[in-house]
Amino acid sequence: MHTIVVIIHVVVSLALVSIVLLQHGKGAGIGAAFGGSSQTVF
């Protein structure tokens, strides 16, 4: 059971990383604007 949970965790983590990388390529301008605004807030 533990092995199944670990495998699911790894698969979901890799999927999230790939989604973030794909979205970074498409909306770089939005990410830069959000990054700039977050720096001013903090």
PDB file of N, CA and C in Angstrom:
ATOM      1  N   MET A   1       0.833  -1.202   0.000  1.00  0.00           N
ATOM      2  CA  MET A   1       0.000   0.000   0.000  1.00  0.00           C
ATOM      3  C   MET A   1       0.873   1.259   0.000  1.00  0.00           C
ATOM      4  N   HIS A   2       1.928   1.227   0.793  1.00  0.00           N
ATOM      5  CA  HIS A   2       2.821   2.391   0.866  1.00  0.00           C
ATOM      6  C   HIS A   2       3.463   2.662  -0.489  1.00  0.00           C
ATOM      7  N   THR A   3       3.837   1.599  -1.193  1.00  0.00           N
ATOM      8  CA  THR A   3       4.477   1.757  -2.496  1.00  0.00           C
ATOM      9  C   THR A   3       3.528   2.416  -3.493  1.00  0.00           C
ATOM     10  N   ILE A   4       2.255   2.040  -3.454  1.00  0.00           N
ATOM     11  CA  ILE A   4       1.272   2.626  -4.374  1.00  0.00           C
ATOM     12  C   ILE A   4       1.124   4.117  -4.114  1.00  0.00           C
ATOM     13  N   VAL A   5       1.088   4.509  -2.846  1.00  0.00           N
ATOM     14  CA  VAL A   5       0.953   5.925  -2.499  1.00  0.00           C
ATOM     15  C   VAL A   5       2.171   6.706  -2.980  1.00  0.00           C
ATOM     16  N   VAL A   6       3.358   6.143  -2.819  1.00  0.00           N
ATOM     17  CA  VAL A   6       4.579   6.824  -3.259  1.00  0.00           C
ATOM     18  C   VAL A   6       4.584   6.978  -4.775  1.00  0.00           C
ATOM     19  N   ILE A   7       4.185   5.944  -5.496  1.00  0.00           N
ATOM     20  CA  ILE A   7       4.155   6.013  -6.961  1.00  0.00           C
ATOM     21  C   ILE A   7       3.171   7.084  -7.422  1.00  0.00           C
ATOM     22  N   ILE A   8       1.984   7.129  -6.816  1.00  0.00           N
ATOM     23  CA  ILE A   8       0.993   8.149  -7.181  1.00  0.00           C
ATOM     24  C   ILE A   8       1.540   9.539  -6.879  1.00  0.00           C
ATOM     25  N   HIS A   9       2.208   9.681  -5.749  1.00  0.00           N
ATOM     26  CA  HIS A   9       2.777  10.976  -5.361  1.00  0.00           C
ATOM     27  C   HIS A   9       3.803  11.450  -6.388  1.00  0.00           C
ATOM     28  N   VAL A  10       4.676  10.561  -6.816  1.00  0.00           N
ATOM     29  CA  VAL A  10       5.713  10.920  -7.788  1.00  0.00           C
ATOM     30  C   VAL A  10       5.085  11.296  -9.128  1.00  0.00           C
ATOM     31  N   VAL A  11       4.087  10.535  -9.569  1.00  0.00           N
ATOM     32  CA  VAL A  11       3.442  10.817 -10.855  1.00  0.00           C
ATOM     33  C   VAL A  11       2.748  12.171 -10.819  1.00  0.00           C
ATOM     34  N   VAL A  12       2.031  12.461  -9.739  1.00  0.00           N
ATOM     35  CA  VAL A  12       1.332  13.743  -9.627  1.00  0.00           C
ATOM     36  C   VAL A  12       2.337  14.889  -9.562  1.00  0.00           C
ATOM     37  N   SER A  13       3.436  14.698  -8.844  1.00  0.00           N
ATOM     38  CA  SER A  13       4.448  15.751  -8.747  1.00  0.00           C
ATOM     39  C   SER A  13       5.060  16.054 -10.110  1.00  0.00           C
ATOM     40  N   LEU A  14       5.402  15.027 -10.862  1.00  0.00           N
ATOM     41  CA  LEU A  14       5.967  15.241 -12.193  1.00  0.00           C
ATOM     42  C   LEU A  14       4.954  15.917 -13.118  1.00  0.00           C
ATOM     43  N   ALA A  15       3.685  15.552 -12.994  1.00  0.00           N
ATOM     44  CA  ALA A  15       2.658  16.184 -13.823  1.00  0.00           C
ATOM     45  C   ALA A  15       2.540  17.668 -13.494  1.00  0.00           C
ATOM     46  N   LEU A  16       2.564  18.011 -12.212  1.00  0.00           N
ATOM     47  CA  LEU A  16       2.459  19.419 -11.822  1.00  0.00           C
ATOM     48  C   LEU A  16       3.662  20.219 -12.313  1.00  0.00           C
ATOM     49  N   VAL A  17       4.853  19.649 -12.207  1.00  0.00           N
ATOM     50  CA  VAL A  17       6.055  20.345 -12.672  1.00  0.00           C
ATOM     51  C   VAL A  17       5.981  20.582 -14.174  1.00  0.00           C
ATOM     52  N   SER A  18       5.552  19.576 -14.925  1.00  0.00           N
ATOM     53  CA  SER A  18       5.465  19.745 -16.381  1.00  0.00           C
ATOM     54  C   SER A  18       4.405  20.773 -16.753  1.00  0.00           C
ATOM     55  N   ILE A  19       3.286  20.810 -16.035  1.00  0.00           N
ATOM     56  CA  ILE A  19       2.243  21.806 -16.320  1.00  0.00           C
ATOM     57  C   ILE A  19       2.769  23.209 -16.056  1.00  0.00           C
ATOM     58  N   VAL A  20       3.477  23.390 -14.953  1.00  0.00           N
ATOM     59  CA  VAL A  20       4.014  24.711 -14.629  1.00  0.00           C
ATOM     60  C   VAL A  20       5.028  25.151 -15.676  1.00  0.00           C
ATOM     61  N   LEU A  21       5.888  24.234 -16.124  1.00  0.00           N
ATOM     62  CA  LEU A  21       6.884  24.591 -17.131  1.00  0.00           C
ATOM     63  C   LEU A  21       6.225  24.937 -18.461  1.00  0.00           C
ATOM     64  N   LEU A  22       5.174  24.217 -18.839  1.00  0.00           N
ATOM     65  CA  LEU A  22       4.482  24.522 -20.090  1.00  0.00           C
ATOM     66  C   LEU A  22       3.787  25.874 -20.007  1.00  0.00           C
ATOM     67  N   GLN A  23       3.165  26.175 -18.877  1.00  0.00           N
ATOM     68  CA  GLN A  23       2.484  27.457 -18.729  1.00  0.00           C
ATOM     69  C   GLN A  23       3.490  28.598 -18.675  1.00  0.00           C
ATOM     70  N   HIS A  24       4.680  28.357 -18.125  1.00  0.00           N
ATOM     71  CA  HIS A  24       5.706  29.399 -18.077  1.00  0.00           C
ATOM     72  C   HIS A  24       6.132  29.785 -19.487  1.00  0.00           C
ATOM     73  N   GLY A  25       6.212  28.815 -20.376  1.00  0.00           N
ATOM     74  CA  GLY A  25       6.587  29.109 -21.746  1.00  0.00           C
ATOM     75  C   GLY A  25       5.516  29.903 -22.475  1.00  0.00           C
ATOM     76  N   LYS A  26       4.243  29.625 -22.191  1.00  0.00           N
ATOM     77  CA  LYS A  26       3.150  30.296 -22.902  1.00  0.00           C
ATOM     78  C   LYS A  26       2.920  31.702 -22.364  1.00  0.00           C
ATOM     79  N   GLY A  27       2.877  31.877 -21.043  1.00  0.00           N
ATOM     80  CA  GLY A  27       2.522  33.168 -20.467  1.00  0.00           C
ATOM     81  C   GLY A  27       3.661  33.787 -19.695  1.00  0.00           C
ATOM     82  N   ALA A  28       4.782  34.014 -20.353  1.00  0.00           N
ATOM     83  CA  ALA A  28       5.936  34.581 -19.653  1.00  0.00           C
ATOM     84  C   ALA A  28       5.659  36.014 -19.214  1.00  0.00           C
ATOM     85  N   GLY A  29       4.887  36.759 -20.010  1.00  0.00           N
ATOM     86  CA  GLY A  29       4.580  38.139 -19.649  1.00  0.00           C
ATOM     87  C   GLY A  29       3.728  38.215 -18.392  1.00  0.00           C
ATOM     88  N   ILE A  30       2.762  37.307 -18.286  1.00  0.00           N
ATOM     89  CA  ILE A  30       1.902  37.284 -17.102  1.00  0.00           C
ATOM     90  C   ILE A  30       2.727  36.904 -15.872  1.00  0.00           C
ATOM     91  N   GLY A  31       3.625  35.941 -16.030  1.00  0.00           N
ATOM     92  CA  GLY A  31       4.465  35.538 -14.910  1.00  0.00           C
ATOM     93  C   GLY A  31       5.396  36.648 -14.463  1.00  0.00           C
ATOM     94  N   ALA A  32       5.921  37.411 -15.407  1.00  0.00           N
ATOM     95  CA  ALA A  32       6.810  38.520 -15.056  1.00  0.00           C
ATOM     96  C   ALA A  32       6.038  39.610 -14.327  1.00  0.00           C
ATOM     97  N   ALA A  33       4.816  39.894 -14.782  1.00  0.00           N
ATOM     98  CA  ALA A  33       4.003  40.918 -14.117  1.00  0.00           C
ATOM     99  C   ALA A  33       3.643  40.472 -12.706  1.00  0.00           C
ATOM    100  N   PHE A  34       3.294  39.188 -12.560  1.00  0.00           N
ATOM    101  CA  PHE A  34       2.938  38.678 -11.231  1.00  0.00           C
ATOM    102  C   PHE A  34       4.158  38.670 -10.323  1.00  0.00           C
ATOM    103  N   GLY A  35       5.319  38.307 -10.864  1.00  0.00           N
ATOM    104  CA  GLY A  35       6.541  38.303 -10.061  1.00  0.00           C
ATOM    105  C   GLY A  35       6.909  39.700  -9.600  1.00  0.00           C
ATOM    106  N   GLY A  36       6.744  40.680 -10.467  1.00  0.00           N
ATOM    107  CA  GLY A  36       7.050  42.054 -10.090  1.00  0.00           C
ATOM    108  C   GLY A  36       6.114  42.570  -9.025  1.00  0.00           C
ATOM    109  N   SER A  37       4.825  42.218  -9.134  1.00  0.00           N
ATOM    110  CA  SER A  37       3.864  42.698  -8.139  1.00  0.00           C
ATOM    111  C   SER A  37       4.087  42.012  -6.797  1.00  0.00           C
ATOM    112  N   SER A  38       4.485  40.738  -6.825  1.00  0.00           N
ATOM    113  CA  SER A  38       4.702  40.048  -5.556  1.00  0.00           C
ATOM    114  C   SER A  38       5.932  40.603  -4.841  1.00  0.00           C
ATOM    115  N   GLN A  39       6.936  41.068  -5.597  1.00  0.00           N
ATOM    116  CA  GLN A  39       8.113  41.647  -4.957  1.00  0.00           C
ATOM    117  C   GLN A  39       7.771  42.970  -4.290  1.00  0.00           C
ATOM    118  N   THR A  40       6.874  43.743  -4.885  1.00  0.00           N
ATOM    119  CA  THR A  40       6.514  45.021  -4.268  1.00  0.00           C
ATOM    120  C   THR A  40       5.673  44.796  -3.021  1.00  0.00           C
ATOM    121  N   VAL A  41       4.861  43.730  -3.027  1.00  0.00           N
ATOM    122  CA  VAL A  41       4.024  43.455  -1.851  1.00  0.00           C
ATOM    123  C   VAL A  41       4.899  43.021  -0.687  1.00  0.00           C
ATOM    124  N   PHE A  42       5.872  42.142  -0.973  1.00  0.00           N
ATOM    125  CA  PHE A  42       6.711  41.634   0.108  1.00  0.00           C
ATOM    126  C   PHE A  42       7.947  42.497   0.265  1.00  0.00           C
TER     127      PHE A  42
END
